[in-house]
Protein backbone atom coordinates (compact mmCIF):
# COMPACT_ATOMS: atom_id res chain seq x y z
CA UNK A 1 0.00 0.01 0.00
CA UNK A 2 2.76 2.43 0.95
CA UNK A 3 4.60 1.73 -2.30
CA UNK A 4 1.45 2.41 -4.38
CA UNK A 5 0.85 5.69 -2.51
CA UNK A 6 4.49 6.77 -3.03
CA UNK A 7 4.18 5.98 -6.74
CA UNK A 8 0.97 8.03 -7.02
CA UNK A 9 2.60 11.04 -5.29
CA UNK A 10 5.65 10.72 -7.54
CA UNK A 11 3.47 10.82 -10.65
CA UNK A 12 1.62 13.86 -9.35
CA UNK A 13 4.94 15.63 -8.83
CA UNK A 14 6.04 14.70 -12.37
CA UNK A 15 2.77 16.09 -13.69
CA UNK A 16 3.41 19.37 -11.88
CA UNK A 17 6.95 19.43 -13.32
CA UNK A 18 5.47 19.02 -16.80
CA UNK A 19 3.04 21.89 -16.14
CA UNK A 20 5.91 24.15 -15.04
CA UNK A 21 7.85 23.24 -18.25
CA UNK A 22 4.82 23.82 -20.48
CA UNK A 23 4.16 27.18 -18.78
CA UNK A 24 7.68 28.31 -19.58
CA UNK A 25 7.46 27.50 -23.36
CA UNK A 26 5.07 30.32 -24.29
CA UNK A 27 7.16 32.80 -22.28
CA UNK A 28 10.30 31.67 -24.05
CA UNK A 29 8.63 32.07 -27.43
CA UNK A 30 7.28 35.53 -26.44
CA UNK A 31 10.73 36.70 -25.36
CA UNK A 32 11.85 36.82 -29.01
CA UNK A 33 11.31 39.86 -31.22
CA UNK A 34 7.66 40.21 -32.20
CA UNK A 35 6.48 38.34 -29.11
CA UNK A 36 3.55 39.28 -26.91
CA UNK A 37 4.64 41.58 -24.02
CA UNK A 38 2.20 40.24 -21.38
CA UNK A 39 2.95 36.59 -22.14
CA UNK A 40 6.69 37.29 -21.78
CA UNK A 41 6.08 39.20 -18.52
CA UNK A 42 4.01 36.38 -17.01
CA UNK A 43 5.84 33.26 -18.27
CA UNK A 44 9.45 34.08 -19.24
CA UNK A 45 10.97 33.03 -15.91
CA UNK A 46 13.40 30.20 -16.73
CA UNK A 47 15.04 29.98 -13.27
CA UNK A 48 11.73 29.74 -11.45
CA UNK A 49 9.81 27.51 -13.88
CA UNK A 50 12.65 25.27 -15.09
CA UNK A 51 14.07 25.13 -11.57
CA UNK A 52 10.70 24.06 -10.22
CA UNK A 53 10.47 21.37 -12.96
CA UNK A 54 13.89 20.00 -11.98
CA UNK A 55 13.18 20.09 -8.23
CA UNK A 56 9.78 18.37 -8.67
CA UNK A 57 11.30 15.66 -10.91
CA UNK A 58 14.10 14.97 -8.39
CA UNK A 59 11.58 14.95 -5.53
CA UNK A 60 9.40 12.49 -7.44
CA UNK A 61 12.40 10.12 -7.93
CA UNK A 62 13.33 10.35 -4.24
CA UNK A 63 9.76 9.68 -3.13
CA UNK A 64 9.22 6.76 -5.55
CA UNK A 65 12.47 4.89 -4.98
CA UNK A 66 13.23 2.90 -1.86
CA UNK A 67 16.64 3.49 -0.37
CA UNK A 68 17.10 0.46 1.87
CA UNK A 69 20.84 -0.05 1.64
CA UNK A 70 23.37 2.28 3.20
CA UNK A 71 25.06 2.85 -0.21
CA UNK A 72 21.86 3.86 -1.92
CA UNK A 73 21.15 6.33 0.88
CA UNK A 74 24.64 7.82 0.61
CA UNK A 75 24.39 8.00 -3.16
CA UNK A 76 21.03 9.77 -2.97
CA UNK A 77 22.37 12.25 -0.39
CA UNK A 78 25.48 12.97 -2.53
CA UNK A 79 23.33 13.56 -5.64
CA UNK A 80 21.06 15.93 -3.75
CA UNK A 81 24.02 17.86 -2.31
CA UNK A 82 25.59 18.15 -5.82
CA UNK A 83 22.26 19.30 -7.25
CA UNK A 84 21.98 21.95 -4.50
CA UNK A 85 25.60 23.03 -4.96
CA UNK A 86 24.93 23.72 -8.63
CA UNK A 87 21.36 25.00 -8.43
CA UNK A 88 21.62 27.41 -5.47
CA UNK A 89 24.40 29.56 -6.98
CA UNK A 90 22.59 29.68 -10.34
CA UNK A 91 19.41 30.78 -8.62
CA UNK A 92 21.23 33.39 -6.53
CA UNK A 93 23.15 34.86 -9.47
CA UNK A 94 20.01 35.04 -11.63
CA UNK A 95 18.24 36.86 -8.79
CA UNK A 96 21.10 39.33 -8.28
CA UNK A 97 22.03 39.87 -11.94
CA UNK A 98 18.63 39.27 -13.49
CA UNK A 99 15.97 41.80 -14.33
CA UNK A 100 15.15 43.94 -17.28
CA UNK A 101 17.85 46.54 -16.73
CA UNK A 102 17.62 50.24 -16.02
CA UNK A 103 15.20 52.34 -18.13
CA UNK A 104 17.06 55.20 -19.84
CA UNK A 105 14.46 56.67 -22.18
CA UNK A 106 10.85 56.10 -23.28
CA UNK A 107 9.23 58.02 -26.18
CA UNK A 108 5.80 57.58 -27.74
CA UNK A 109 5.35 58.19 -31.47
CA UNK A 110 3.53 61.54 -31.91
CA UNK A 111 1.43 60.02 -34.70
CA UNK A 112 0.75 56.65 -33.01
CA UNK A 113 0.50 56.87 -29.18
CA UNK A 114 0.43 53.05 -29.04
CA UNK A 115 3.94 52.88 -30.57
CA UNK A 116 6.54 53.43 -27.82
CA UNK A 117 10.33 53.50 -28.25
CA UNK A 118 12.26 52.33 -25.18
CA UNK A 119 15.98 52.42 -24.38
CA UNK A 120 17.24 50.24 -21.51
CA UNK A 121 20.73 49.90 -20.05
CA UNK A 122 21.15 46.12 -19.64
CA UNK A 123 24.84 46.15 -18.60
CA UNK A 124 26.07 44.14 -15.63
CA UNK A 125 29.19 46.30 -15.47
CA UNK A 126 30.08 49.99 -15.48
CA UNK A 127 30.15 50.32 -19.32
CA UNK A 128 26.58 50.81 -20.54
CA UNK A 129 24.88 48.42 -22.98
CA UNK A 130 21.82 50.00 -24.57
CA UNK A 131 18.99 47.81 -25.71
CA UNK A 132 16.56 49.61 -28.03
CA UNK A 133 13.09 48.18 -28.40
CA UNK A 134 9.76 49.18 -29.96
CA UNK A 135 6.46 48.39 -28.20
CA UNK A 136 3.36 48.34 -30.38
CA UNK A 137 -0.29 47.92 -29.37
CA UNK A 138 -1.71 47.70 -25.86
CA UNK A 139 -2.99 45.15 -23.42
CA UNK A 140 -2.65 41.44 -24.28
CA UNK A 141 -2.08 42.23 -27.98
CA UNK A 142 0.99 44.46 -27.30
CA UNK A 143 4.17 43.22 -29.00
CA UNK A 144 7.80 44.10 -28.60
CA UNK A 145 10.28 44.38 -31.44
CA UNK A 146 14.04 44.28 -30.76
CA UNK A 147 15.81 46.97 -32.77
CA UNK A 148 19.27 46.11 -31.48
CA UNK A 149 21.94 46.46 -28.81
CA UNK A 150 24.54 49.21 -28.85
CA UNK A 151 27.62 49.15 -26.62
CA UNK A 152 30.86 51.10 -26.52
CA UNK A 153 33.20 48.35 -27.72
CA UNK A 154 31.31 47.40 -30.92
CA UNK A 155 33.02 49.89 -33.26
CA UNK A 156 30.01 52.14 -33.75
CA UNK A 157 31.08 54.73 -31.16
CA UNK A 158 29.16 55.96 -28.13
CA UNK A 159 25.40 55.61 -28.18
CA UNK A 160 23.74 59.04 -28.35
CA UNK A 161 20.01 58.62 -28.82
CA UNK A 162 17.05 56.80 -30.28
CA UNK A 163 14.34 59.11 -31.65
CA UNK A 164 11.24 59.27 -33.79
CA UNK A 165 12.67 60.99 -36.86
CA UNK A 166 9.48 61.10 -38.94
CA UNK A 167 6.15 59.34 -39.45
CA UNK A 168 6.76 55.62 -38.77
CA UNK A 169 10.54 56.12 -38.70
CA UNK A 170 13.07 55.60 -35.93
CA UNK A 171 16.69 56.78 -36.01
CA UNK A 172 19.33 55.45 -33.61
CA UNK A 173 22.38 57.70 -33.47
CA UNK A 174 25.85 56.85 -32.29
CA UNK A 175 29.11 58.72 -32.44
CA UNK A 176 30.02 57.28 -35.84
CA UNK A 177 26.76 56.20 -37.56
CA UNK A 178 23.00 56.45 -37.84
CA UNK A 179 20.67 53.46 -38.08
CA UNK A 180 17.19 54.08 -39.53
CA UNK A 181 14.17 51.75 -39.14
CA UNK A 182 10.95 52.22 -41.10
CA UNK A 183 7.79 50.83 -39.52
CA UNK A 184 4.87 49.10 -41.23
CA UNK A 185 2.00 51.62 -40.73
CA UNK A 186 -0.51 48.87 -39.81
CA UNK A 187 1.40 46.32 -37.75
CA UNK A 188 4.22 48.52 -36.51
CA UNK A 189 6.80 45.89 -37.51
CA UNK A 190 10.21 47.49 -38.13
CA UNK A 191 12.02 47.00 -41.43
CA UNK A 192 15.64 45.88 -41.80
CA UNK A 193 17.89 48.74 -40.63
CA UNK A 194 19.58 51.14 -43.00
CA UNK A 195 22.98 52.12 -41.60
CA UNK A 196 24.80 55.26 -42.68
CA UNK A 197 27.98 56.94 -41.54
CA UNK A 198 27.85 60.29 -39.79
């Protein structure tokens, strides 16, 4: 009876691990350019969701298996200690270094208030790394479009600004070049960038 109950609990834990994994997949997909902003915000948490899936799977194995011999108990304890030694630092570093970065600038398109240009400093060090993104739409249909990342050591010079330079047009200016994106007037999807020297 006890073995059957342990097996049932183990399968419930594996089912919960599968739910955590399946919940992460739409968030991972939404984190790419063109993805839904709200889906990314709610489900793109790999450390929490994938970590929960791993912990639940390991817990299901520990609950289901019988560790009657001393060697099997020592082996299980060593595996759990190794898993904790690897998992805890990863979780701590993702908590400390994670996040969306520091917002630097946010500008709405004068012609389309539902098109917003954002600049975020995503650097983990002193030297800034600017991530430029376009948000289109609102609510659950809002999408984000990655326009690029600009940093000091990439040969383009210092990042200066990202601005609305005309109707459905964005210009990103650095010390040495300008990058222009044209937006589709209906969907807001940006075109391939046109790069010119300053």
